Amino acid sequence: MGANELRVYCAELTRASRDTTGAADEIEGLRRKLGTQMGDLRRTWTGQAATAYLNVWSEIDEECEAMLADLRWIGESLSAAANAYAHMESNGANAFRALEPPGM
């Protein structure tokens, strides 16, 4: 394959999209579970160490939320790319079919 060529496998893009979205869903479930545990801890733990730790946890949780949004965007982008390439392939095939000699 030359430097200006691109080989695309729509099924692989679709699979990667599903895997990426599935990973985001799984991580979000774990994040929610951990968030519940941190909420329980927040209600029972007091003092300076608790405040410091829980502040750091809040920052980590916000970063995780942003990363999950990015991961979902990647999954959506992979799906959109698969659909776009499949559409282009279909259009190309239809264009060639239109070139068939009459009577075939």
C-alpha atoms as a PDB file:
ATOM      1  CA  MET A   1       0.000   0.000   0.000  1.00  0.00           C
ATOM      2  CA  GLY A   2       1.416   3.385  -1.003  1.00  0.00           C
ATOM      3  CA  ALA A   3       1.832   6.468   1.137  1.00  0.00           C
ATOM      4  CA  ASN A   4      -1.339   8.055  -0.250  1.00  0.00           C
ATOM      5  CA  GLU A   5      -3.526   4.978   0.165  1.00  0.00           C
ATOM      6  CA  LEU A   6      -5.879   4.177   2.995  1.00  0.00           C
ATOM      7  CA  ARG A   7      -7.410   0.781   3.666  1.00  0.00           C
ATOM      8  CA  VAL A   8     -10.516   0.845   5.826  1.00  0.00           C
ATOM      9  CA  TYR A   9     -12.397  -2.098   7.285  1.00  0.00           C
ATOM     10  CA  CYS A  10     -15.847  -0.868   8.265  1.00  0.00           C
ATOM     11  CA  ALA A  11     -16.522  -3.918  10.426  1.00  0.00           C
ATOM     12  CA  GLU A  12     -13.356  -3.230  12.423  1.00  0.00           C
ATOM     13  CA  LEU A  13     -14.341   0.417  12.912  1.00  0.00           C
ATOM     14  CA  THR A  14     -17.784  -0.691  14.064  1.00  0.00           C
ATOM     15  CA  ARG A  15     -16.280  -3.241  16.465  1.00  0.00           C
ATOM     16  CA  ALA A  16     -13.858  -0.639  17.834  1.00  0.00           C
ATOM     17  CA  SER A  17     -16.753   1.769  18.328  1.00  0.00           C
ATOM     18  CA  ARG A  18     -18.745  -0.849  20.269  1.00  0.00           C
ATOM     19  CA  ASP A  19     -15.697  -1.799  22.350  1.00  0.00           C
ATOM     20  CA  THR A  20     -14.932   1.830  23.152  1.00  0.00           C
ATOM     21  CA  THR A  21     -18.505   2.650  24.099  1.00  0.00           C
ATOM     22  CA  GLY A  22     -18.739  -0.556  26.133  1.00  0.00           C
ATOM     23  CA  ALA A  23     -15.559   0.328  28.004  1.00  0.00           C
ATOM     24  CA  ALA A  24     -16.951   3.783  28.774  1.00  0.00           C
ATOM     25  CA  ASP A  25     -20.169   2.224  30.093  1.00  0.00           C
ATOM     26  CA  GLU A  26     -18.237  -0.234  32.260  1.00  0.00           C
ATOM     27  CA  ILE A  27     -15.968   2.470  33.667  1.00  0.00           C
ATOM     28  CA  GLU A  28     -18.975   4.721  34.336  1.00  0.00           C
ATOM     29  CA  GLY A  29     -20.612   1.921  36.327  1.00  0.00           C
ATOM     30  CA  LEU A  30     -17.478   1.474  38.412  1.00  0.00           C
ATOM     31  CA  ARG A  31     -17.226   5.241  38.871  1.00  0.00           C
ATOM     32  CA  ARG A  32     -20.816   5.390  40.137  1.00  0.00           C
ATOM     33  CA  LYS A  33     -20.184   2.531  42.565  1.00  0.00           C
ATOM     34  CA  LEU A  34     -17.051   4.223  43.856  1.00  0.00           C
ATOM     35  CA  GLY A  35     -18.947   7.516  44.087  1.00  0.00           C
ATOM     36  CA  THR A  36     -21.521   5.858  46.339  1.00  0.00           C
ATOM     37  CA  GLN A  37     -18.761   4.519  48.574  1.00  0.00           C
ATOM     38  CA  MET A  38     -17.117   7.947  48.692  1.00  0.00           C
ATOM     39  CA  GLY A  39     -20.460   9.496  49.636  1.00  0.00           C
ATOM     40  CA  ASP A  40     -20.723   7.058  52.535  1.00  0.00           C
ATOM     41  CA  LEU A  41     -17.180   7.935  53.581  1.00  0.00           C
ATOM     42  CA  ARG A  42     -17.920  11.669  53.334  1.00  0.00           C
ATOM     43  CA  ARG A  43     -20.813  11.298  55.790  1.00  0.00           C
ATOM     44  CA  THR A  44     -18.751   9.457  58.408  1.00  0.00           C
ATOM     45  CA  TRP A  45     -15.187  10.782  58.127  1.00  0.00           C
ATOM     46  CA  THR A  46     -14.348  14.196  59.562  1.00  0.00           C
ATOM     47  CA  GLY A  47     -11.239  16.239  60.131  1.00  0.00           C
ATOM     48  CA  GLN A  48      -8.519  17.866  58.072  1.00  0.00           C
ATOM     49  CA  ALA A  49      -7.322  14.626  56.514  1.00  0.00           C
ATOM     50  CA  ALA A  50     -10.870  13.796  55.438  1.00  0.00           C
ATOM     51  CA  THR A  51     -11.320  17.215  53.868  1.00  0.00           C
ATOM     52  CA  ALA A  52      -7.991  17.025  52.046  1.00  0.00           C
ATOM     53  CA  TYR A  53      -8.626  13.498  50.785  1.00  0.00           C
ATOM     54  CA  LEU A  54     -12.189  14.171  49.688  1.00  0.00           C
ATOM     55  CA  ASN A  55     -11.116  17.344  47.859  1.00  0.00           C
ATOM     56  CA  VAL A  56      -8.565  15.320  45.906  1.00  0.00           C
ATOM     57  CA  TRP A  57     -11.213  12.687  45.218  1.00  0.00           C
ATOM     58  CA  SER A  58     -13.532  15.366  43.806  1.00  0.00           C
ATOM     59  CA  GLU A  59     -10.804  16.507  41.403  1.00  0.00           C
ATOM     60  CA  ILE A  60     -10.097  12.924  40.333  1.00  0.00           C
ATOM     61  CA  ASP A  61     -13.810  12.284  39.805  1.00  0.00           C
ATOM     62  CA  GLU A  62     -14.154  15.395  37.618  1.00  0.00           C
ATOM     63  CA  GLU A  63     -11.150  14.336  35.526  1.00  0.00           C
ATOM     64  CA  CYS A  64     -12.619  10.854  35.174  1.00  0.00           C
ATOM     65  CA  GLU A  65     -15.911  12.359  33.998  1.00  0.00           C
ATOM     66  CA  ALA A  66     -14.053  14.383  31.345  1.00  0.00           C
ATOM     67  CA  MET A  67     -12.080  11.328  30.196  1.00  0.00           C
ATOM     68  CA  LEU A  68     -15.294   9.310  29.911  1.00  0.00           C
ATOM     69  CA  ALA A  69     -16.820  12.049  27.762  1.00  0.00           C
ATOM     70  CA  ASP A  70     -13.737  11.876  25.529  1.00  0.00           C
ATOM     71  CA  LEU A  71     -13.952   8.088  25.360  1.00  0.00           C
ATOM     72  CA  ARG A  72     -17.612   8.273  24.349  1.00  0.00           C
ATOM     73  CA  TRP A  73     -16.738  10.878  21.692  1.00  0.00           C
ATOM     74  CA  ILE A  74     -14.077   8.518  20.319  1.00  0.00           C
ATOM     75  CA  GLY A  75     -16.631   5.699  20.157  1.00  0.00           C
ATOM     76  CA  GLU A  76     -19.132   7.939  18.365  1.00  0.00           C
ATOM     77  CA  SER A  77     -16.429   9.138  15.956  1.00  0.00           C
ATOM     78  CA  LEU A  78     -15.428   5.578  15.093  1.00  0.00           C
ATOM     79  CA  SER A  79     -19.058   4.737  14.388  1.00  0.00           C
ATOM     80  CA  ALA A  80     -19.491   7.838  12.228  1.00  0.00           C
ATOM     81  CA  ALA A  81     -16.331   6.960  10.288  1.00  0.00           C
ATOM     82  CA  ALA A  82     -17.570   3.403   9.688  1.00  0.00           C
ATOM     83  CA  ASN A  83     -20.899   4.718   8.429  1.00  0.00           C
ATOM     84  CA  ALA A  84     -19.236   7.318   6.198  1.00  0.00           C
ATOM     85  CA  TYR A  85     -16.859   4.791   4.630  1.00  0.00           C
ATOM     86  CA  ALA A  86     -19.688   2.294   4.106  1.00  0.00           C
ATOM     87  CA  HIS A  87     -21.742   5.026   2.425  1.00  0.00           C
ATOM     88  CA  MET A  88     -18.815   5.957   0.147  1.00  0.00           C
ATOM     89  CA  GLU A  89     -18.307   2.291  -0.749  1.00  0.00           C
ATOM     90  CA  SER A  90     -21.989   1.928  -1.582  1.00  0.00           C
ATOM     91  CA  ASN A  91     -21.927   5.072  -3.718  1.00  0.00           C
ATOM     92  CA  GLY A  92     -18.852   3.797  -5.561  1.00  0.00           C
ATOM     93  CA  ALA A  93     -20.470   0.432  -6.225  1.00  0.00           C
ATOM     94  CA  ASN A  94     -23.635   2.123  -7.477  1.00  0.00           C
ATOM     95  CA  ALA A  95     -21.589   4.350  -9.794  1.00  0.00           C
ATOM     96  CA  PHE A  96     -19.902   1.316 -11.333  1.00  0.00           C
ATOM     97  CA  ARG A  97     -23.228  -0.485 -11.698  1.00  0.00           C
ATOM     98  CA  ALA A  98     -24.533   2.514 -13.614  1.00  0.00           C
ATOM     99  CA  LEU A  99     -21.699   2.024 -16.134  1.00  0.00           C
ATOM    100  CA  GLU A 100     -22.823  -1.468 -17.145  1.00  0.00           C
ATOM    101  CA  PRO A 101     -23.638  -1.766 -20.839  1.00  0.00           C
ATOM    102  CA  PRO A 102     -27.336  -1.837 -21.693  1.00  0.00           C
ATOM    103  CA  GLY A 103     -28.952  -5.259 -21.763  1.00  0.00           C
ATOM    104  CA  MET A 104     -26.737  -6.827 -19.114  1.00  0.00           C
END
